[in-house]
Amino acid sequence: MSSLTQFVKHNSLTLAFGTGFLLTLAGQAVSGHADFNNQLVAEGLHPLSFWHYLGTSDFAVDVTENWQSEYLQFFLYIFGTVWLLQRGSPESKELHKAGVESDREQRVGDHAGTSSPRWAADKGWRQKLYSRSLGTVMAAIFAWSWLAQSINGSAAYNEEHLRNLQAPIPWTQYLATADFWNRTLQNWQSELLAVASMAILSVYLRQRGSPESKPVGAAHTSTGVEG
């Protein structure tokens, strides 16, 4: 097996979804450009070029409002599943493991192995930081993308107001508008529904060969078991 083939095989999950992301982002840009120009023409304005559209706040807010909700989902799921359980779901830890678990179970400090990440063996702040690094990074990306959504959403909102000969409003005032919270909450509710559905449906339904499912023959009450 060549090194390239091995690399693709060992990273196929990330490569497949990363490629899918780029393709769908490109598709969103093309369709968003067409829709945006349709609106401009309907208002008697000149359409924009594709590359000019990519620099608009309308495109930016459409992208970032989805990013922030996705990373909110991951952030809440990562931190929530430390303590929250669902009997019978592979998305949950075993019922007796709620909490941060012992150093032995987490293989940190004196219990770290030779192949463990270097900071896992540390007994100071590095271990504390590394042991929460996944959730922390997800939370930071969520906060950044939500901020970006609010800034670009404010710009897009004001551009529409100016086209309608209405006065723009400051960013701080935009944060209290229905437009901002409608964009935000319509994404949050869908992400939370998806997580709740996955947690409960995986108790009773199976997908053979998937680590997101229990083994096909596992009991409905089996918890924290992956197929």
Protein backbone atom coordinates (compact mmCIF):
# COMPACT_ATOMS: atom_id res chain seq x y z
CA MET A 1 0.00 0.00 0.00
CA SER A 2 1.46 3.36 -1.06
CA SER A 3 1.93 6.12 1.51
CA LEU A 4 -0.72 8.24 -0.26
CA THR A 5 -3.26 5.40 -0.27
CA GLN A 6 -2.55 4.72 3.38
CA PHE A 7 -2.93 8.41 4.24
CA VAL A 8 -6.29 8.59 2.47
CA LYS A 9 -7.51 5.41 4.16
CA HIS A 10 -6.43 6.55 7.62
CA ASN A 11 -7.96 10.02 7.17
CA SER A 12 -10.94 9.18 4.94
CA LEU A 13 -13.56 10.42 7.42
CA THR A 14 -12.03 13.90 7.68
CA LEU A 15 -11.20 14.05 3.97
CA ALA A 16 -14.70 13.00 2.88
CA PHE A 17 -16.52 15.47 5.10
CA GLY A 18 -13.96 18.20 4.45
CA THR A 19 -14.43 17.78 0.70
CA GLY A 20 -18.19 17.75 1.17
CA PHE A 21 -17.94 20.98 3.15
CA LEU A 22 -16.00 22.74 0.38
CA LEU A 23 -18.39 21.53 -2.32
CA THR A 24 -21.50 22.60 -0.42
CA LEU A 25 -19.92 25.94 0.52
CA ALA A 26 -19.23 26.53 -3.17
CA GLY A 27 -22.81 25.55 -3.99
CA GLN A 28 -24.11 27.92 -1.34
CA ALA A 29 -21.99 30.73 -2.82
CA VAL A 30 -23.34 30.13 -6.33
CA SER A 31 -26.99 29.86 -5.28
CA GLY A 32 -26.66 32.71 -2.79
CA HIS A 33 -25.16 34.94 -5.48
CA ALA A 34 -28.06 34.21 -7.82
CA ASP A 35 -30.65 34.85 -5.09
CA PHE A 36 -28.94 38.07 -3.97
CA ASN A 37 -28.84 39.41 -7.53
CA ASN A 38 -32.50 38.52 -8.02
CA GLN A 39 -33.30 40.72 -5.03
CA LEU A 40 -31.16 43.57 -6.37
CA VAL A 41 -32.79 43.42 -9.80
CA ALA A 42 -36.25 43.36 -8.20
CA GLU A 43 -35.32 46.56 -6.35
CA GLY A 44 -34.09 48.19 -9.56
CA LEU A 45 -30.38 47.93 -8.64
CA HIS A 46 -27.40 46.60 -10.58
CA PRO A 47 -26.40 42.98 -9.87
CA LEU A 48 -22.99 42.15 -8.35
CA SER A 49 -20.28 39.96 -9.78
CA PHE A 50 -19.73 36.59 -8.10
CA TRP A 51 -16.41 37.62 -6.55
CA HIS A 52 -17.89 40.85 -5.27
CA TYR A 53 -20.75 38.89 -3.70
CA LEU A 54 -18.29 36.73 -1.76
CA GLY A 55 -17.14 39.87 0.06
CA THR A 56 -20.63 40.97 1.06
CA SER A 57 -22.06 40.81 4.57
CA ASP A 58 -25.03 38.85 3.21
CA PHE A 59 -22.84 35.92 2.23
CA ALA A 60 -20.79 36.14 5.42
CA VAL A 61 -23.79 36.15 7.75
CA ASP A 62 -25.41 33.21 5.94
CA VAL A 63 -22.23 31.18 6.46
CA THR A 64 -21.42 32.17 10.04
CA GLU A 65 -24.96 31.77 11.38
CA ASN A 66 -24.76 28.08 10.50
CA TRP A 67 -21.22 27.66 11.81
CA GLN A 68 -22.08 29.08 15.22
CA SER A 69 -25.01 26.71 15.71
CA GLU A 70 -22.95 23.67 14.72
CA TYR A 71 -20.15 24.51 17.12
CA LEU A 72 -22.68 25.30 19.85
CA GLN A 73 -24.03 21.78 19.36
CA PHE A 74 -20.58 20.22 19.70
CA PHE A 75 -19.65 22.42 22.67
CA LEU A 76 -22.84 21.58 24.60
CA TYR A 77 -22.63 17.91 23.66
CA ILE A 78 -18.99 17.54 24.72
CA PHE A 79 -19.50 19.23 28.08
CA GLY A 80 -23.02 17.92 28.66
CA THR A 81 -22.09 14.26 28.20
CA VAL A 82 -19.59 14.50 31.04
CA TRP A 83 -22.53 14.48 33.48
CA LEU A 84 -25.72 13.81 31.50
CA LEU A 85 -26.67 10.22 30.69
CA GLN A 86 -29.14 8.37 28.48
CA ARG A 87 -29.82 4.76 29.44
CA GLY A 88 -29.39 2.48 26.45
CA SER A 89 -27.69 5.01 24.15
CA PRO A 90 -24.19 4.63 22.67
CA GLU A 91 -24.07 8.44 22.75
CA SER A 92 -23.99 8.26 26.56
CA LYS A 93 -21.32 7.04 28.93
CA GLU A 94 -22.06 4.00 31.05
CA LEU A 95 -24.41 4.95 33.87
CA HIS A 96 -21.81 4.53 36.65
CA LYS A 97 -19.27 6.80 34.92
CA ALA A 98 -20.99 10.18 35.23
CA GLY A 99 -18.50 12.96 35.97
CA VAL A 100 -14.88 13.61 35.06
CA GLU A 101 -13.78 10.08 36.08
CA SER A 102 -10.61 9.08 37.94
CA ASP A 103 -7.02 9.70 36.83
CA ARG A 104 -6.65 5.96 36.27
CA GLU A 105 -9.68 5.81 33.97
CA GLN A 106 -8.53 8.90 32.07
CA ARG A 107 -4.87 7.74 31.97
CA VAL A 108 -3.42 11.03 33.19
CA GLY A 109 -0.59 11.92 35.58
CA ASP A 110 1.05 8.80 37.01
CA HIS A 111 -1.36 6.65 34.99
CA ALA A 112 -0.30 8.03 31.59
CA GLY A 113 1.31 5.54 29.23
CA THR A 114 4.33 5.85 26.96
CA SER A 115 2.08 6.68 23.99
CA SER A 116 -0.06 9.21 25.90
CA PRO A 117 0.11 12.88 24.84
CA ARG A 118 2.93 14.62 26.73
CA TRP A 119 0.62 17.05 28.52
CA ALA A 120 -1.55 14.18 29.79
CA ALA A 121 1.36 13.03 31.95
CA ASP A 122 1.89 16.51 33.40
CA LYS A 123 0.53 17.10 36.92
CA GLY A 124 0.06 20.86 36.66
CA TRP A 125 -1.83 23.40 34.59
CA ARG A 126 -0.88 21.77 31.30
CA GLN A 127 -2.85 18.63 32.15
CA LYS A 128 -5.83 20.69 33.37
CA LEU A 129 -5.81 22.72 30.15
CA TYR A 130 -5.30 19.72 27.86
CA SER A 131 -7.99 17.66 29.62
CA ARG A 132 -10.56 20.30 28.65
CA SER A 133 -9.02 21.43 25.36
CA LEU A 134 -11.62 19.91 23.00
CA GLY A 135 -14.62 21.56 24.62
CA THR A 136 -12.72 24.81 25.14
CA VAL A 137 -11.76 25.08 21.47
CA MET A 138 -15.32 24.25 20.38
CA ALA A 139 -16.64 26.95 22.73
CA ALA A 140 -14.12 29.47 21.38
CA ILE A 141 -15.05 28.74 17.75
CA PHE A 142 -18.74 29.04 18.66
CA ALA A 143 -18.16 32.42 20.37
CA TRP A 144 -16.07 33.69 17.43
CA SER A 145 -18.59 32.59 14.79
CA TRP A 146 -21.54 33.98 16.77
CA LEU A 147 -19.72 37.30 17.06
CA ALA A 148 -18.97 37.20 13.33
CA GLN A 149 -22.63 36.44 12.63
CA SER A 150 -23.74 39.42 14.70
CA ILE A 151 -21.30 41.82 13.01
CA ASN A 152 -22.08 40.65 9.48
CA GLY A 153 -25.78 40.40 10.28
CA SER A 154 -25.75 43.99 11.47
CA ALA A 155 -24.05 45.11 8.25
CA ALA A 156 -26.50 43.15 6.06
CA TYR A 157 -29.46 44.49 8.07
CA ASN A 158 -28.26 48.07 7.65
CA GLU A 159 -27.56 47.63 3.95
CA GLU A 160 -31.14 46.51 3.45
CA HIS A 161 -32.38 49.49 5.47
CA LEU A 162 -30.30 51.89 3.38
CA ARG A 163 -31.67 50.41 0.15
CA ASN A 164 -35.14 51.11 1.56
CA LEU A 165 -34.07 54.64 2.56
CA GLN A 166 -34.24 53.80 6.26
CA ALA A 167 -31.69 54.87 8.88
CA PRO A 168 -29.09 52.27 9.93
CA ILE A 169 -28.75 51.19 13.55
CA PRO A 170 -25.62 50.51 15.65
CA TRP A 171 -24.36 46.96 16.25
CA THR A 172 -25.36 47.03 19.92
CA GLN A 173 -28.93 47.87 18.96
CA TYR A 174 -28.96 45.18 16.28
CA LEU A 175 -28.28 42.55 18.99
CA ALA A 176 -31.77 43.21 20.35
CA THR A 177 -33.55 42.96 16.99
CA ALA A 178 -35.86 40.16 15.88
CA ASP A 179 -33.63 39.63 12.82
CA PHE A 180 -30.61 38.68 14.95
CA TRP A 181 -32.51 36.35 17.26
CA ASN A 182 -34.52 34.79 14.46
CA ARG A 183 -31.28 33.93 12.63
CA THR A 184 -29.82 32.57 15.87
CA LEU A 185 -32.70 30.59 17.35
CA GLN A 186 -33.84 28.95 14.11
CA ASN A 187 -30.42 27.27 14.00
CA TRP A 188 -30.18 26.45 17.70
CA GLN A 189 -33.52 24.65 17.83
CA SER A 190 -32.60 22.40 14.91
CA GLU A 191 -29.22 21.46 16.40
CA LEU A 192 -30.69 20.65 19.82
CA LEU A 193 -33.45 18.58 18.22
CA ALA A 194 -30.86 16.63 16.21
CA VAL A 195 -28.81 15.79 19.33
CA ALA A 196 -31.87 14.76 21.34
CA SER A 197 -33.11 12.61 18.44
CA MET A 198 -29.75 10.88 18.05
CA ALA A 199 -29.51 10.15 21.76
CA ILE A 200 -32.93 8.51 22.05
CA LEU A 201 -33.26 6.88 18.60
CA SER A 202 -29.91 5.11 19.02
CA VAL A 203 -31.38 3.31 22.05
CA TYR A 204 -33.79 1.35 19.85
CA LEU A 205 -32.43 1.58 16.29
CA ARG A 206 -29.18 0.17 14.85
CA GLN A 207 -26.74 0.83 12.01
CA ARG A 208 -24.49 -2.14 11.46
CA GLY A 209 -20.79 -1.27 11.51
CA SER A 210 -21.19 2.31 12.71
CA PRO A 211 -19.51 3.47 15.94
CA GLU A 212 -22.51 5.78 16.40
CA SER A 213 -24.71 2.68 16.85
CA LYS A 214 -24.68 -0.23 19.26
CA PRO A 215 -24.01 -3.69 17.84
CA VAL A 216 -27.15 -4.92 16.08
CA GLY A 217 -27.74 -7.62 18.68
CA ALA A 218 -27.08 -5.46 21.74
CA ALA A 219 -29.89 -5.06 24.24
CA HIS A 220 -31.85 -1.82 24.24
CA THR A 221 -30.65 -1.21 27.81
CA SER A 222 -26.94 -1.51 26.88
CA THR A 223 -25.38 1.91 27.52
CA GLY A 224 -22.13 3.35 26.20
CA VAL A 225 -21.55 0.38 23.88
CA GLU A 226 -20.41 1.07 20.31
CA GLY A 227 -20.77 -1.18 17.28
